[in-house]
């Protein structure tokens, strides 16, 4: 499961670029506290 998630994230990162990926991560983790968000990143 983790391998699939990492693979999907890398594919997304390469496809849409680092700026868009960072923006998407920010939107998806908007309701999460900063320490938890750092752990997820």
N, C-alpha and C. Protein backbone atom coordinates (compact mmCIF):
# COMPACT_ATOMS: atom_id res chain seq x y z
N UNK A 1 0.83 -1.19 0.00
CA UNK A 1 0.00 0.00 0.00
C UNK A 1 0.87 1.25 0.00
N UNK A 2 1.87 1.29 0.86
CA UNK A 2 2.76 2.45 0.93
C UNK A 2 3.52 2.63 -0.38
N UNK A 3 3.94 1.52 -0.96
CA UNK A 3 4.67 1.57 -2.23
C UNK A 3 3.79 2.18 -3.33
N UNK A 4 2.52 1.83 -3.34
CA UNK A 4 1.59 2.36 -4.33
C UNK A 4 1.36 3.86 -4.11
N UNK A 5 1.23 4.26 -2.85
CA UNK A 5 1.03 5.68 -2.55
C UNK A 5 2.25 6.50 -2.95
N UNK A 6 3.43 6.01 -2.67
CA UNK A 6 4.65 6.72 -3.04
C UNK A 6 4.76 6.81 -4.56
N UNK A 7 4.46 5.73 -5.23
CA UNK A 7 4.50 5.72 -6.69
C UNK A 7 3.51 6.72 -7.28
N UNK A 8 2.32 6.78 -6.73
CA UNK A 8 1.31 7.72 -7.21
C UNK A 8 1.75 9.16 -6.96
N UNK A 9 2.32 9.42 -5.80
CA UNK A 9 2.79 10.77 -5.48
C UNK A 9 3.91 11.19 -6.42
N UNK A 10 4.86 10.31 -6.69
CA UNK A 10 5.97 10.63 -7.59
C UNK A 10 5.43 10.90 -9.00
N UNK A 11 4.51 10.09 -9.45
CA UNK A 11 3.91 10.30 -10.77
C UNK A 11 3.20 11.65 -10.82
N UNK A 12 2.45 11.97 -9.80
CA UNK A 12 1.76 13.26 -9.74
C UNK A 12 2.76 14.41 -9.73
N UNK A 13 3.82 14.27 -8.94
CA UNK A 13 4.85 15.30 -8.83
C UNK A 13 5.52 15.56 -10.18
N UNK A 14 5.86 14.51 -10.88
CA UNK A 14 6.52 14.65 -12.18
C UNK A 14 5.56 15.20 -13.23
N UNK A 15 4.32 14.79 -13.18
CA UNK A 15 3.35 15.19 -14.18
C UNK A 15 2.97 16.66 -14.07
N UNK A 16 2.68 17.14 -12.86
CA UNK A 16 2.18 18.51 -12.74
C UNK A 16 3.21 19.49 -12.20
N UNK A 17 4.36 19.04 -11.75
CA UNK A 17 5.41 19.95 -11.32
C UNK A 17 5.39 20.24 -9.83
N UNK A 18 6.50 20.70 -9.31
CA UNK A 18 6.63 20.91 -7.86
C UNK A 18 5.77 22.04 -7.31
N UNK A 19 5.58 23.12 -8.05
CA UNK A 19 4.77 24.23 -7.55
C UNK A 19 3.31 23.81 -7.40
N UNK A 20 2.80 23.18 -8.42
CA UNK A 20 1.41 22.73 -8.37
C UNK A 20 1.21 21.64 -7.31
N UNK A 21 2.20 20.78 -7.16
CA UNK A 21 2.13 19.73 -6.13
C UNK A 21 2.09 20.34 -4.74
N UNK A 22 2.92 21.35 -4.49
CA UNK A 22 2.93 22.02 -3.19
C UNK A 22 1.59 22.69 -2.92
N UNK A 23 1.03 23.31 -3.95
CA UNK A 23 -0.28 23.95 -3.79
C UNK A 23 -1.36 22.91 -3.47
N UNK A 24 -1.32 21.79 -4.18
CA UNK A 24 -2.30 20.73 -3.94
C UNK A 24 -2.15 20.17 -2.52
N UNK A 25 -0.91 19.97 -2.07
CA UNK A 25 -0.67 19.47 -0.72
C UNK A 25 -1.25 20.45 0.30
N UNK A 26 -1.05 21.74 0.07
CA UNK A 26 -1.59 22.76 0.98
C UNK A 26 -3.10 22.71 1.05
N UNK A 27 -3.75 22.53 -0.08
CA UNK A 27 -5.21 22.46 -0.10
C UNK A 27 -5.71 21.20 0.60
N UNK A 28 -5.05 20.07 0.33
CA UNK A 28 -5.50 18.80 0.91
C UNK A 28 -5.25 18.72 2.41
N UNK A 29 -4.29 19.47 2.93
CA UNK A 29 -3.97 19.40 4.36
C UNK A 29 -4.33 20.69 5.09
N UNK A 30 -5.26 21.46 4.55
CA UNK A 30 -5.62 22.76 5.12
C UNK A 30 -6.16 22.65 6.54
N UNK A 31 -6.90 21.61 6.87
CA UNK A 31 -7.50 21.49 8.19
C UNK A 31 -6.64 20.77 9.21
N UNK A 32 -5.42 20.47 8.87
CA UNK A 32 -4.54 19.70 9.75
C UNK A 32 -3.56 20.64 10.44
N UNK A 33 -3.28 20.40 11.72
CA UNK A 33 -2.34 21.24 12.47
C UNK A 33 -0.93 21.10 11.91
N UNK A 34 -0.14 22.14 12.09
CA UNK A 34 1.19 22.22 11.49
C UNK A 34 2.10 21.02 11.80
N UNK A 35 2.20 20.54 13.06
CA UNK A 35 3.08 19.38 13.31
C UNK A 35 2.66 18.13 12.52
N UNK A 36 1.37 17.91 12.43
CA UNK A 36 0.86 16.76 11.68
C UNK A 36 1.13 16.94 10.18
N UNK A 37 0.95 18.16 9.69
CA UNK A 37 1.21 18.45 8.28
C UNK A 37 2.68 18.20 7.94
N UNK A 38 3.58 18.58 8.83
CA UNK A 38 5.02 18.33 8.60
C UNK A 38 5.32 16.84 8.58
N UNK A 39 4.66 16.10 9.46
CA UNK A 39 4.87 14.65 9.48
C UNK A 39 4.40 14.03 8.17
N UNK A 40 3.27 14.49 7.65
CA UNK A 40 2.75 13.97 6.39
C UNK A 40 3.66 14.29 5.21
N UNK A 41 4.24 15.48 5.26
CA UNK A 41 5.13 15.89 4.15
C UNK A 41 6.36 15.03 4.16
